[in-house]
PDB file of all heavy atoms in Angstrom:
ATOM      1  N   LYS A   1      -9.451  26.529  12.707  1.00  0.00           N
ATOM      2  CA  LYS A   1      -9.567  27.614  11.725  1.00  0.00           C
ATOM      3  C   LYS A   1      -8.429  27.636  10.717  1.00  0.00           C
ATOM      4  O   LYS A   1      -8.577  28.177   9.620  1.00  0.00           O
ATOM      5  CB  LYS A   1      -9.668  28.966  12.428  1.00  0.00           C
ATOM      6  CG  LYS A   1      -8.461  29.369  13.250  1.00  0.00           C
ATOM      7  CD  LYS A   1      -8.698  30.679  13.984  1.00  0.00           C
ATOM      8  CE  LYS A   1      -7.507  31.103  14.812  1.00  0.00           C
ATOM      9  NZ  LYS A   1      -6.317  31.432  14.005  1.00  0.00           N
ATOM     10  N   ASP A   2      -7.298  27.002  11.065  1.00  0.00           N
ATOM     11  CA  ASP A   2      -6.124  27.083  10.201  1.00  0.00           C
ATOM     12  C   ASP A   2      -5.711  25.766   9.567  1.00  0.00           C
ATOM     13  O   ASP A   2      -4.849  25.753   8.684  1.00  0.00           O
ATOM     14  CB  ASP A   2      -4.920  27.604  11.003  1.00  0.00           C
ATOM     15  CG  ASP A   2      -5.157  28.990  11.577  1.00  0.00           C
ATOM     16  OD1 ASP A   2      -5.652  29.851  10.822  1.00  0.00           O
ATOM     17  OD2 ASP A   2      -4.855  29.199  12.763  1.00  0.00           O
ATOM     18  N   ALA A   3      -6.285  24.638  10.016  1.00  0.00           N
ATOM     19  CA  ALA A   3      -5.761  23.351   9.570  1.00  0.00           C
ATOM     20  C   ALA A   3      -6.861  22.309   9.449  1.00  0.00           C
ATOM     21  O   ALA A   3      -7.859  22.334  10.174  1.00  0.00           O
ATOM     22  CB  ALA A   3      -4.683  22.856  10.540  1.00  0.00           C
ATOM     23  N   ALA A   4      -6.647  21.377   8.527  1.00  0.00           N
ATOM     24  CA  ALA A   4      -7.449  20.157   8.432  1.00  0.00           C
ATOM     25  C   ALA A   4      -6.621  19.015   9.000  1.00  0.00           C
ATOM     26  O   ALA A   4      -5.406  18.944   8.779  1.00  0.00           O
ATOM     27  CB  ALA A   4      -7.814  19.872   6.981  1.00  0.00           C
ATOM     28  N   TYR A   5      -7.270  18.120   9.742  1.00  0.00           N
ATOM     29  CA  TYR A   5      -6.603  16.991  10.376  1.00  0.00           C
ATOM     30  C   TYR A   5      -7.087  15.690   9.752  1.00  0.00           C
ATOM     31  O   TYR A   5      -8.299  15.474   9.637  1.00  0.00           O
ATOM     32  CB  TYR A   5      -6.905  16.954  11.875  1.00  0.00           C
ATOM     33  CG  TYR A   5      -6.301  18.099  12.665  1.00  0.00           C
ATOM     34  CD1 TYR A   5      -6.817  19.392  12.573  1.00  0.00           C
ATOM     35  CD2 TYR A   5      -5.227  17.895  13.521  1.00  0.00           C
ATOM     36  CE1 TYR A   5      -6.279  20.442  13.295  1.00  0.00           C
ATOM     37  CE2 TYR A   5      -4.674  18.935  14.252  1.00  0.00           C
ATOM     38  CZ  TYR A   5      -5.203  20.208  14.129  1.00  0.00           C
ATOM     39  OH  TYR A   5      -4.663  21.250  14.850  1.00  0.00           O
ATOM     40  N   VAL A   6      -6.150  14.842   9.362  1.00  0.00           N
ATOM     41  CA  VAL A   6      -6.479  13.499   8.888  1.00  0.00           C
ATOM     42  C   VAL A   6      -6.174  12.550  10.044  1.00  0.00           C
ATOM     43  O   VAL A   6      -5.013  12.270  10.349  1.00  0.00           O
ATOM     44  CB  VAL A   6      -5.672  13.120   7.636  1.00  0.00           C
ATOM     45  CG1 VAL A   6      -6.040  11.711   7.174  1.00  0.00           C
ATOM     46  CG2 VAL A   6      -5.915  14.133   6.518  1.00  0.00           C
ATOM     47  N   ASN A   7      -7.229  12.065  10.697  1.00  0.00           N
ATOM     48  CA  ASN A   7      -7.080  11.252  11.900  1.00  0.00           C
ATOM     49  C   ASN A   7      -7.029   9.764  11.623  1.00  0.00           C
ATOM     50  O   ASN A   7      -6.230   9.033  12.208  1.00  0.00           O
ATOM     51  CB  ASN A   7      -8.232  11.538  12.873  1.00  0.00           C
ATOM     52  CG  ASN A   7      -8.007  12.782  13.704  1.00  0.00           C
ATOM     53  OD1 ASN A   7      -6.871  13.181  13.959  1.00  0.00           O
ATOM     54  ND2 ASN A   7      -9.088  13.415  14.127  1.00  0.00           N
ATOM     55  N   LEU A   8      -7.932   9.295  10.769  1.00  0.00           N
ATOM     56  CA  LEU A   8      -8.046   7.870  10.503  1.00  0.00           C
ATOM     57  C   LEU A   8      -7.892   7.614   9.011  1.00  0.00           C
ATOM     58  O   LEU A   8      -8.263   8.458   8.182  1.00  0.00           O
ATOM     59  CB  LEU A   8      -9.413   7.356  10.976  1.00  0.00           C
ATOM     60  CG  LEU A   8      -9.670   7.423  12.481  1.00  0.00           C
ATOM     61  CD1 LEU A   8     -11.142   7.142  12.786  1.00  0.00           C
ATOM     62  CD2 LEU A   8      -8.776   6.452  13.236  1.00  0.00           C
ATOM     63  N   PHE A   9      -7.381   6.453   8.690  1.00  0.00           N
ATOM     64  CA  PHE A   9      -7.117   6.106   7.291  1.00  0.00           C
ATOM     65  C   PHE A   9      -8.244   5.208   6.804  1.00  0.00           C
ATOM     66  O   PHE A   9      -8.173   3.981   6.851  1.00  0.00           O
ATOM     67  CB  PHE A   9      -5.736   5.471   7.178  1.00  0.00           C
ATOM     68  CG  PHE A   9      -4.683   6.334   7.838  1.00  0.00           C
ATOM     69  CD1 PHE A   9      -4.047   5.934   8.994  1.00  0.00           C
ATOM     70  CD2 PHE A   9      -4.386   7.592   7.327  1.00  0.00           C
ATOM     71  CE1 PHE A   9      -3.117   6.748   9.630  1.00  0.00           C
ATOM     72  CE2 PHE A   9      -3.463   8.422   7.955  1.00  0.00           C
ATOM     73  CZ  PHE A   9      -2.827   7.998   9.104  1.00  0.00           C
ATOM     74  N   ILE A  10      -9.299   5.875   6.360  1.00  0.00           N
ATOM     75  CA  ILE A  10     -10.529   5.231   5.911  1.00  0.00           C
ATOM     76  C   ILE A  10     -10.940   5.900   4.612  1.00  0.00           C
ATOM     77  O   ILE A  10     -11.058   7.134   4.542  1.00  0.00           O
ATOM     78  CB  ILE A  10     -11.643   5.366   6.968  1.00  0.00           C
ATOM     79  CG1 ILE A  10     -11.251   4.621   8.257  1.00  0.00           C
ATOM     80  CG2 ILE A  10     -12.969   4.840   6.437  1.00  0.00           C
ATOM     81  CD1 ILE A  10     -12.250   4.784   9.396  1.00  0.00           C
ATOM     82  N   GLY A  11     -11.142   5.106   3.570  1.00  0.00           N
ATOM     83  CA  GLY A  11     -11.526   5.663   2.280  1.00  0.00           C
ATOM     84  C   GLY A  11     -12.785   6.491   2.389  1.00  0.00           C
ATOM     85  O   GLY A  11     -13.814   6.003   2.868  1.00  0.00           O
ATOM     86  N   SER A  12     -12.728   7.743   1.940  1.00  0.00           N
ATOM     87  CA  SER A  12     -13.845   8.652   2.189  1.00  0.00           C
ATOM     88  C   SER A  12     -13.649   9.954   1.442  1.00  0.00           C
ATOM     89  O   SER A  12     -12.563  10.255   0.934  1.00  0.00           O
ATOM     90  CB  SER A  12     -13.954   8.947   3.698  1.00  0.00           C
ATOM     91  OG  SER A  12     -12.709   9.415   4.196  1.00  0.00           O
ATOM     92  N   GLN A  13     -14.718  10.740   1.414  1.00  0.00           N
ATOM     93  CA  GLN A  13     -14.657  12.133   0.970  1.00  0.00           C
ATOM     94  C   GLN A  13     -15.263  13.001   2.062  1.00  0.00           C
ATOM     95  O   GLN A  13     -16.229  12.594   2.730  1.00  0.00           O
ATOM     96  CB  GLN A  13     -15.416  12.340  -0.333  1.00  0.00           C
ATOM     97  CG  GLN A  13     -14.715  11.787  -1.548  1.00  0.00           C
ATOM     98  CD  GLN A  13     -15.255  12.395  -2.834  1.00  0.00           C
ATOM     99  OE1 GLN A  13     -15.207  13.620  -3.025  1.00  0.00           O
ATOM    100  NE2 GLN A  13     -15.777  11.555  -3.708  1.00  0.00           N
ATOM    101  N   ALA A  14     -14.710  14.193   2.222  1.00  0.00           N
ATOM    102  CA  ALA A  14     -15.194  15.101   3.254  1.00  0.00           C
ATOM    103  C   ALA A  14     -15.159  16.526   2.743  1.00  0.00           C
ATOM    104  O   ALA A  14     -14.254  16.910   1.984  1.00  0.00           O
ATOM    105  CB  ALA A  14     -14.333  14.981   4.510  1.00  0.00           C
ATOM    106  N   ASP A  15     -16.142  17.297   3.166  1.00  0.00           N
ATOM    107  CA  ASP A  15     -16.207  18.722   2.839  1.00  0.00           C
ATOM    108  C   ASP A  15     -16.122  19.515   4.135  1.00  0.00           C
ATOM    109  O   ASP A  15     -16.913  19.308   5.059  1.00  0.00           O
ATOM    110  CB  ASP A  15     -17.517  19.049   2.118  1.00  0.00           C
ATOM    111  CG  ASP A  15     -17.629  18.328   0.780  1.00  0.00           C
ATOM    112  OD1 ASP A  15     -16.747  18.515  -0.064  1.00  0.00           O
ATOM    113  OD2 ASP A  15     -18.594  17.561   0.610  1.00  0.00           O
ATOM    114  N   LEU A  16     -15.166  20.449   4.189  1.00  0.00           N
ATOM    115  CA  LEU A  16     -14.970  21.253   5.385  1.00  0.00           C
ATOM    116  C   LEU A  16     -14.446  22.624   4.985  1.00  0.00           C
ATOM    117  O   LEU A  16     -14.124  22.856   3.816  1.00  0.00           O
ATOM    118  CB  LEU A  16     -14.006  20.568   6.355  1.00  0.00           C
ATOM    119  CG  LEU A  16     -12.588  20.249   5.875  1.00  0.00           C
ATOM    120  CD1 LEU A  16     -11.644  20.130   7.066  1.00  0.00           C
ATOM    121  CD2 LEU A  16     -12.552  18.928   5.106  1.00  0.00           C
ATOM    122  N   THR A  17     -14.371  23.507   5.963  1.00  0.00           N
ATOM    123  CA  THR A  17     -13.879  24.861   5.718  1.00  0.00           C
ATOM    124  C   THR A  17     -12.626  25.091   6.544  1.00  0.00           C
ATOM    125  O   THR A  17     -12.634  24.889   7.765  1.00  0.00           O
ATOM    126  CB  THR A  17     -14.941  25.905   6.083  1.00  0.00           C
ATOM    127  OG1 THR A  17     -16.113  25.674   5.303  1.00  0.00           O
ATOM    128  CG2 THR A  17     -14.429  27.318   5.819  1.00  0.00           C
ATOM    129  N   VAL A  18     -11.549  25.482   5.871  1.00  0.00           N
ATOM    130  CA  VAL A  18     -10.270  25.754   6.525  1.00  0.00           C
ATOM    131  C   VAL A  18      -9.743  27.083   6.007  1.00  0.00           C
ATOM    132  O   VAL A  18      -9.750  27.329   4.796  1.00  0.00           O
ATOM    133  CB  VAL A  18      -9.233  24.646   6.236  1.00  0.00           C
ATOM    134  CG1 VAL A  18      -7.941  24.916   7.001  1.00  0.00           C
ATOM    135  CG2 VAL A  18      -9.781  23.277   6.580  1.00  0.00           C
ATOM    136  N   ALA A  19      -9.308  27.938   6.918  1.00  0.00           N
ATOM    137  CA  ALA A  19      -8.767  29.246   6.553  1.00  0.00           C
ATOM    138  C   ALA A  19      -9.726  30.017   5.650  1.00  0.00           C
ATOM    139  O   ALA A  19      -9.319  30.703   4.715  1.00  0.00           O
ATOM    140  CB  ALA A  19      -7.403  29.088   5.872  1.00  0.00           C
ATOM    141  N   GLY A  20     -11.022  29.881   5.921  1.00  0.00           N
ATOM    142  CA  GLY A  20     -12.029  30.598   5.162  1.00  0.00           C
ATOM    143  C   GLY A  20     -12.322  30.040   3.793  1.00  0.00           C
ATOM    144  O   GLY A  20     -13.069  30.650   3.020  1.00  0.00           O
ATOM    145  N   THR A  21     -11.766  28.878   3.470  1.00  0.00           N
ATOM    146  CA  THR A  21     -11.928  28.288   2.144  1.00  0.00           C
ATOM    147  C   THR A  21     -12.586  26.916   2.250  1.00  0.00           C
ATOM    148  O   THR A  21     -12.218  26.107   3.108  1.00  0.00           O
ATOM    149  CB  THR A  21     -10.552  28.134   1.448  1.00  0.00           C
ATOM    150  OG1 THR A  21      -9.955  29.421   1.312  1.00  0.00           O
ATOM    151  CG2 THR A  21     -10.693  27.490   0.082  1.00  0.00           C
ATOM    152  N   ASN A  22     -13.537  26.643   1.380  1.00  0.00           N
ATOM    153  CA  ASN A  22     -14.135  25.313   1.319  1.00  0.00           C
ATOM    154  C   ASN A  22     -13.131  24.332   0.720  1.00  0.00           C
ATOM    155  O   ASN A  22     -12.518  24.614  -0.318  1.00  0.00           O
ATOM    156  CB  ASN A  22     -15.409  25.330   0.481  1.00  0.00           C
ATOM    157  CG  ASN A  22     -16.502  26.150   1.122  1.00  0.00           C
ATOM    158  OD1 ASN A  22     -16.567  26.270   2.343  1.00  0.00           O
ATOM    159  ND2 ASN A  22     -17.374  26.733   0.305  1.00  0.00           N
ATOM    160  N   VAL A  23     -12.982  23.207   1.381  1.00  0.00           N
ATOM    161  CA  VAL A  23     -11.995  22.214   0.957  1.00  0.00           C
ATOM    162  C   VAL A  23     -12.668  20.846   0.908  1.00  0.00           C
ATOM    163  O   VAL A  23     -13.404  20.465   1.814  1.00  0.00           O
ATOM    164  CB  VAL A  23     -10.800  22.156   1.934  1.00  0.00           C
ATOM    165  CG1 VAL A  23      -9.802  21.093   1.503  1.00  0.00           C
ATOM    166  CG2 VAL A  23     -10.128  23.518   2.037  1.00  0.00           C
ATOM    167  N   ASN A  24     -12.405  20.124  -0.169  1.00  0.00           N
ATOM    168  CA  ASN A  24     -12.820  18.734  -0.276  1.00  0.00           C
ATOM    169  C   ASN A  24     -11.589  17.854  -0.132  1.00  0.00           C
ATOM    170  O   ASN A  24     -10.569  18.078  -0.790  1.00  0.00           O
ATOM    171  CB  ASN A  24     -13.499  18.461  -1.625  1.00  0.00           C
ATOM    172  CG  ASN A  24     -13.795  16.985  -1.843  1.00  0.00           C
ATOM    173  OD1 ASN A  24     -12.988  16.252  -2.411  1.00  0.00           O
ATOM    174  ND2 ASN A  24     -14.955  16.551  -1.386  1.00  0.00           N
ATOM    175  N   LEU A  25     -11.677  16.873   0.769  1.00  0.00           N
ATOM    176  CA  LEU A  25     -10.613  15.885   0.928  1.00  0.00           C
ATOM    177  C   LEU A  25     -11.132  14.542   0.443  1.00  0.00           C
ATOM    178  O   LEU A  25     -12.235  14.124   0.815  1.00  0.00           O
ATOM    179  CB  LEU A  25     -10.186  15.762   2.393  1.00  0.00           C
ATOM    180  CG  LEU A  25      -9.599  17.004   3.059  1.00  0.00           C
ATOM    181  CD1 LEU A  25      -9.313  16.726   4.533  1.00  0.00           C
ATOM    182  CD2 LEU A  25      -8.328  17.457   2.358  1.00  0.00           C
ATOM    183  N   LYS A  26     -10.351  13.871  -0.372  1.00  0.00           N
ATOM    184  CA  LYS A  26     -10.711  12.535  -0.835  1.00  0.00           C
ATOM    185  C   LYS A  26      -9.584  11.581  -0.471  1.00  0.00           C
ATOM    186  O   LYS A  26      -8.434  11.813  -0.837  1.00  0.00           O
ATOM    187  CB  LYS A  26     -10.951  12.512  -2.342  1.00  0.00           C
ATOM    188  CG  LYS A  26     -11.363  11.131  -2.858  1.00  0.00           C
ATOM    189  CD  LYS A  26     -11.638  11.136  -4.351  1.00  0.00           C
ATOM    190  CE  LYS A  26     -12.059   9.750  -4.823  1.00  0.00           C
ATOM    191  NZ  LYS A  26     -12.313   9.728  -6.295  1.00  0.00           N
ATOM    192  N   GLN A  27      -9.927  10.536   0.255  1.00  0.00           N
ATOM    193  CA  GLN A  27      -8.926   9.579   0.711  1.00  0.00           C
ATOM    194  C   GLN A  27      -9.201   8.207   0.096  1.00  0.00           C
ATOM    195  O   GLN A  27     -10.328   7.709   0.137  1.00  0.00           O
ATOM    196  CB  GLN A  27      -8.960   9.478   2.248  1.00  0.00           C
ATOM    197  CG  GLN A  27      -7.874   8.590   2.817  1.00  0.00           C
ATOM    198  CD  GLN A  27      -7.828   8.585   4.344  1.00  0.00           C
ATOM    199  OE1 GLN A  27      -7.039   7.865   4.927  1.00  0.00           O
ATOM    200  NE2 GLN A  27      -8.655   9.393   4.999  1.00  0.00           N
ATOM    201  N   VAL A  28      -8.160   7.609  -0.468  1.00  0.00           N
ATOM    202  CA  VAL A  28      -8.224   6.253  -1.007  1.00  0.00           C
ATOM    203  C   VAL A  28      -7.150   5.436  -0.304  1.00  0.00           C
ATOM    204  O   VAL A  28      -5.989   5.866  -0.220  1.00  0.00           O
ATOM    205  CB  VAL A  28      -7.991   6.227  -2.534  1.00  0.00           C
ATOM    206  CG1 VAL A  28      -8.021   4.788  -3.058  1.00  0.00           C
ATOM    207  CG2 VAL A  28      -9.036   7.077  -3.251  1.00  0.00           C
ATOM    208  N   THR A  29      -7.537   4.279   0.234  1.00  0.00           N
ATOM    209  CA  THR A  29      -6.581   3.510   1.027  1.00  0.00           C
ATOM    210  C   THR A  29      -6.933   2.032   1.018  1.00  0.00           C
ATOM    211  O   THR A  29      -8.094   1.659   0.775  1.00  0.00           O
ATOM    212  CB  THR A  29      -6.559   4.029   2.477  1.00  0.00           C
ATOM    213  OG1 THR A  29      -5.599   3.292   3.230  1.00  0.00           O
ATOM    214  CG2 THR A  29      -7.923   3.886   3.131  1.00  0.00           C
ATOM    215  N   HIS A  30      -5.926   1.191   1.273  1.00  0.00           N
ATOM    216  CA  HIS A  30      -6.127  -0.240   1.490  1.00  0.00           C
ATOM    217  C   HIS A  30      -5.861  -0.604   2.950  1.00  0.00           C
ATOM    218  O   HIS A  30      -5.691  -1.777   3.287  1.00  0.00           O
ATOM    219  CB  HIS A  30      -5.210  -1.054   0.571  1.00  0.00           C
ATOM    220  CG  HIS A  30      -5.607  -1.002  -0.873  1.00  0.00           C
ATOM    221  ND1 HIS A  30      -5.201   0.005  -1.724  1.00  0.00           N
ATOM    222  CD2 HIS A  30      -6.400  -1.820  -1.610  1.00  0.00           C
ATOM    223  CE1 HIS A  30      -5.703  -0.201  -2.925  1.00  0.00           C
ATOM    224  NE2 HIS A  30      -6.434  -1.304  -2.889  1.00  0.00           N
ATOM    225  N   TYR A  31      -5.809   0.398   3.801  1.00  0.00           N
ATOM    226  CA  TYR A  31      -5.596   0.218   5.227  1.00  0.00           C
ATOM    227  C   TYR A  31      -6.760  -0.584   5.806  1.00  0.00           C
ATOM    228  O   TYR A  31      -7.902  -0.383   5.381  1.00  0.00           O
ATOM    229  CB  TYR A  31      -5.555   1.614   5.863  1.00  0.00           C
ATOM    230  CG  TYR A  31      -5.001   1.750   7.246  1.00  0.00           C
ATOM    231  CD1 TYR A  31      -3.631   1.840   7.458  1.00  0.00           C
ATOM    232  CD2 TYR A  31      -5.846   1.838   8.350  1.00  0.00           C
ATOM    233  CE1 TYR A  31      -3.120   2.021   8.745  1.00  0.00           C
ATOM    234  CE2 TYR A  31      -5.343   2.016   9.620  1.00  0.00           C
ATOM    235  CZ  TYR A  31      -3.970   2.108   9.813  1.00  0.00           C
ATOM    236  OH  TYR A  31      -3.474   2.278  11.080  1.00  0.00           O
ATOM    237  N   PRO A  32      -6.563  -1.506   6.717  1.00  0.00           N
ATOM    238  CA  PRO A  32      -5.334  -1.813   7.455  1.00  0.00           C
ATOM    239  C   PRO A  32      -4.501  -2.937   6.857  1.00  0.00           C
ATOM    240  O   PRO A  32      -3.522  -3.363   7.460  1.00  0.00           O
ATOM    241  CB  PRO A  32      -5.886  -2.237   8.811  1.00  0.00           C
ATOM    242  CG  PRO A  32      -7.143  -2.972   8.454  1.00  0.00           C
ATOM    243  CD  PRO A  32      -7.723  -2.232   7.286  1.00  0.00           C
ATOM    244  N   TRP A  33      -4.911  -3.446   5.675  1.00  0.00           N
ATOM    245  CA  TRP A  33      -4.155  -4.568   5.096  1.00  0.00           C
ATOM    246  C   TRP A  33      -2.888  -4.097   4.406  1.00  0.00           C
ATOM    247  O   TRP A  33      -1.901  -4.834   4.340  1.00  0.00           O
ATOM    248  CB  TRP A  33      -5.032  -5.347   4.129  1.00  0.00           C
ATOM    249  CG  TRP A  33      -6.347  -5.792   4.699  1.00  0.00           C
ATOM    250  CD1 TRP A  33      -7.577  -5.641   4.140  1.00  0.00           C
ATOM    251  CD2 TRP A  33      -6.579  -6.471   5.944  1.00  0.00           C
ATOM    252  NE1 TRP A  33      -8.561  -6.167   4.943  1.00  0.00           N
ATOM    253  CE2 TRP A  33      -7.975  -6.694   6.053  1.00  0.00           C
ATOM    254  CE3 TRP A  33      -5.749  -6.912   6.975  1.00  0.00           C
ATOM    255  CZ2 TRP A  33      -8.546  -7.336   7.152  1.00  0.00           C
ATOM    256  CZ3 TRP A  33      -6.330  -7.541   8.071  1.00  0.00           C
ATOM    257  CH2 TRP A  33      -7.693  -7.755   8.158  1.00  0.00           C
ATOM    258  N   LYS A  34      -2.904  -2.878   3.882  1.00  0.00           N
ATOM    259  CA  LYS A  34      -1.713  -2.281   3.282  1.00  0.00           C
ATOM    260  C   LYS A  34      -1.517  -0.889   3.867  1.00  0.00           C
ATOM    261  O   LYS A  34      -2.465  -0.270   4.355  1.00  0.00           O
ATOM    262  CB  LYS A  34      -1.852  -2.195   1.761  1.00  0.00           C
ATOM    263  CG  LYS A  34      -1.935  -3.551   1.063  1.00  0.00           C
ATOM    264  CD  LYS A  34      -2.037  -3.383  -0.447  1.00  0.00           C
ATOM    265  CE  LYS A  34      -2.119  -4.733  -1.146  1.00  0.00           C
ATOM    266  NZ  LYS A  34      -2.236  -4.587  -2.626  1.00  0.00           N
ATOM    267  N   GLY A  35      -0.301  -0.383   3.759  1.00  0.00           N
ATOM    268  CA  GLY A  35       0.021   0.876   4.409  1.00  0.00           C
ATOM    269  C   GLY A  35      -0.153   2.110   3.564  1.00  0.00           C
ATOM    270  O   GLY A  35       0.047   3.224   4.049  1.00  0.00           O
ATOM    271  N   GLU A  36      -0.519   1.948   2.273  1.00  0.00           N
ATOM    272  CA  GLU A  36      -0.590   3.110   1.400  1.00  0.00           C
ATOM    273  C   GLU A  36      -1.939   3.816   1.498  1.00  0.00           C
ATOM    274  O   GLU A  36      -2.989   3.186   1.407  1.00  0.00           O
ATOM    275  CB  GLU A  36      -0.360   2.697  -0.059  1.00  0.00           C
ATOM    276  CG  GLU A  36       0.988   2.052  -0.317  1.00  0.00           C
ATOM    277  CD  GLU A  36       0.927   0.535  -0.218  1.00  0.00           C
ATOM    278  OE1 GLU A  36      -0.125   0.018   0.237  1.00  0.00           O
ATOM    279  OE2 GLU A  36       1.917  -0.119  -0.565  1.00  0.00           O
ATOM    280  N   SER A  37      -1.877   5.132   1.670  1.00  0.00           N
ATOM    281  CA  SER A  37      -3.072   5.971   1.633  1.00  0.00           C
ATOM    282  C   SER A  37      -2.762   7.202   0.791  1.00  0.00           C
ATOM    283  O   SER A  37      -1.664   7.765   0.878  1.00  0.00           O
ATOM    284  CB  SER A  37      -3.492   6.419   3.039  1.00  0.00           C
ATOM    285  OG  SER A  37      -3.834   5.318   3.853  1.00  0.00           O
ATOM    286  N   VAL A  38      -3.722   7.601  -0.022  1.00  0.00           N
ATOM    287  CA  VAL A  38      -3.591   8.814  -0.831  1.00  0.00           C
ATOM    288  C   VAL A  38      -4.715   9.764  -0.452  1.00  0.00           C
ATOM    289  O   VAL A  38      -5.889   9.380  -0.437  1.00  0.00           O
ATOM    290  CB  VAL A  38      -3.655   8.500  -2.340  1.00  0.00           C
ATOM    291  CG1 VAL A  38      -3.649   9.799  -3.154  1.00  0.00           C
ATOM    292  CG2 VAL A  38      -2.498   7.602  -2.754  1.00  0.00           C
ATOM    293  N   ILE A  39      -4.348  10.991  -0.100  1.00  0.00           N
ATOM    294  CA  ILE A  39      -5.325  12.022   0.237  1.00  0.00           C
ATOM    295  C   ILE A  39      -5.215  13.127  -0.812  1.00  0.00           C
ATOM    296  O   ILE A  39      -4.154  13.755  -0.947  1.00  0.00           O
ATOM    297  CB  ILE A  39      -5.091  12.604   1.638  1.00  0.00           C
ATOM    298  CG1 ILE A  39      -5.164  11.490   2.694  1.00  0.00           C
ATOM    299  CG2 ILE A  39      -6.095  13.688   1.952  1.00  0.00           C
ATOM    300  CD1 ILE A  39      -3.958  11.376   3.558  1.00  0.00           C
ATOM    301  N   VAL A  40      -6.279  13.337  -1.563  1.00  0.00           N
ATOM    302  CA  VAL A  40      -6.311  14.387  -2.579  1.00  0.00           C
ATOM    303  C   VAL A  40      -6.978  15.617  -1.971  1.00  0.00           C
ATOM    304  O   VAL A  40      -8.082  15.532  -1.425  1.00  0.00           O
ATOM    305  CB  VAL A  40      -7.064  13.928  -3.840  1.00  0.00           C
ATOM    306  CG1 VAL A  40      -7.084  15.049  -4.882  1.00  0.00           C
ATOM    307  CG2 VAL A  40      -6.419  12.668  -4.413  1.00  0.00           C
ATOM    308  N   VAL A  41      -6.292  16.744  -2.059  1.00  0.00           N
ATOM    309  CA  VAL A  41      -6.770  17.996  -1.467  1.00  0.00           C
ATOM    310  C   VAL A  41      -7.332  18.875  -2.568  1.00  0.00           C
ATOM    311  O   VAL A  41      -6.613  19.229  -3.521  1.00  0.00           O
ATOM    312  CB  VAL A  41      -5.628  18.723  -0.728  1.00  0.00           C
ATOM    313  CG1 VAL A  41      -6.145  19.987  -0.053  1.00  0.00           C
ATOM    314  CG2 VAL A  41      -4.977  17.795   0.293  1.00  0.00           C
ATOM    315  N   ASN A  42      -8.602  19.238  -2.451  1.00  0.00           N
ATOM    316  CA  ASN A  42      -9.263  20.058  -3.469  1.00  0.00           C
ATOM    317  C   ASN A  42      -9.891  21.298  -2.828  1.00  0.00           C
ATOM    318  O   ASN A  42     -11.070  21.291  -2.460  1.00  0.00           O
ATOM    319  CB  ASN A  42     -10.352  19.243  -4.177  1.00  0.00           C
ATOM    320  CG  ASN A  42      -9.794  18.151  -5.058  1.00  0.00           C
ATOM    321  OD1 ASN A  42      -8.918  18.402  -5.888  1.00  0.00           O
ATOM    322  ND2 ASN A  42     -10.279  16.930  -4.880  1.00  0.00           N
ATOM    323  N   PRO A  43      -9.119  22.382  -2.684  1.00  0.00           N
ATOM    324  CA  PRO A  43      -9.713  23.631  -2.187  1.00  0.00           C
ATOM    325  C   PRO A  43     -10.556  24.293  -3.275  1.00  0.00           C
ATOM    326  O   PRO A  43     -10.289  24.124  -4.481  1.00  0.00           O
ATOM    327  CB  PRO A  43      -8.488  24.474  -1.836  1.00  0.00           C
ATOM    328  CG  PRO A  43      -7.407  23.971  -2.747  1.00  0.00           C
ATOM    329  CD  PRO A  43      -7.676  22.508  -2.974  1.00  0.00           C
TER     330      PRO A  43
END
C-alpha cells in the first residue's frame, strides 16, 4: 500500500497503484550485458 518494488531489471512499463495513486513505471536497461538501468516514475 505504501511502496512500489523494482525486483528485476527488465525493460518494461507497468501500471500500479501506490499510496492511493496510479503510477506508471518505465524501465530502460541493457542488463545483463551492462549495469545501467533507468526507471522513470510517472504518478
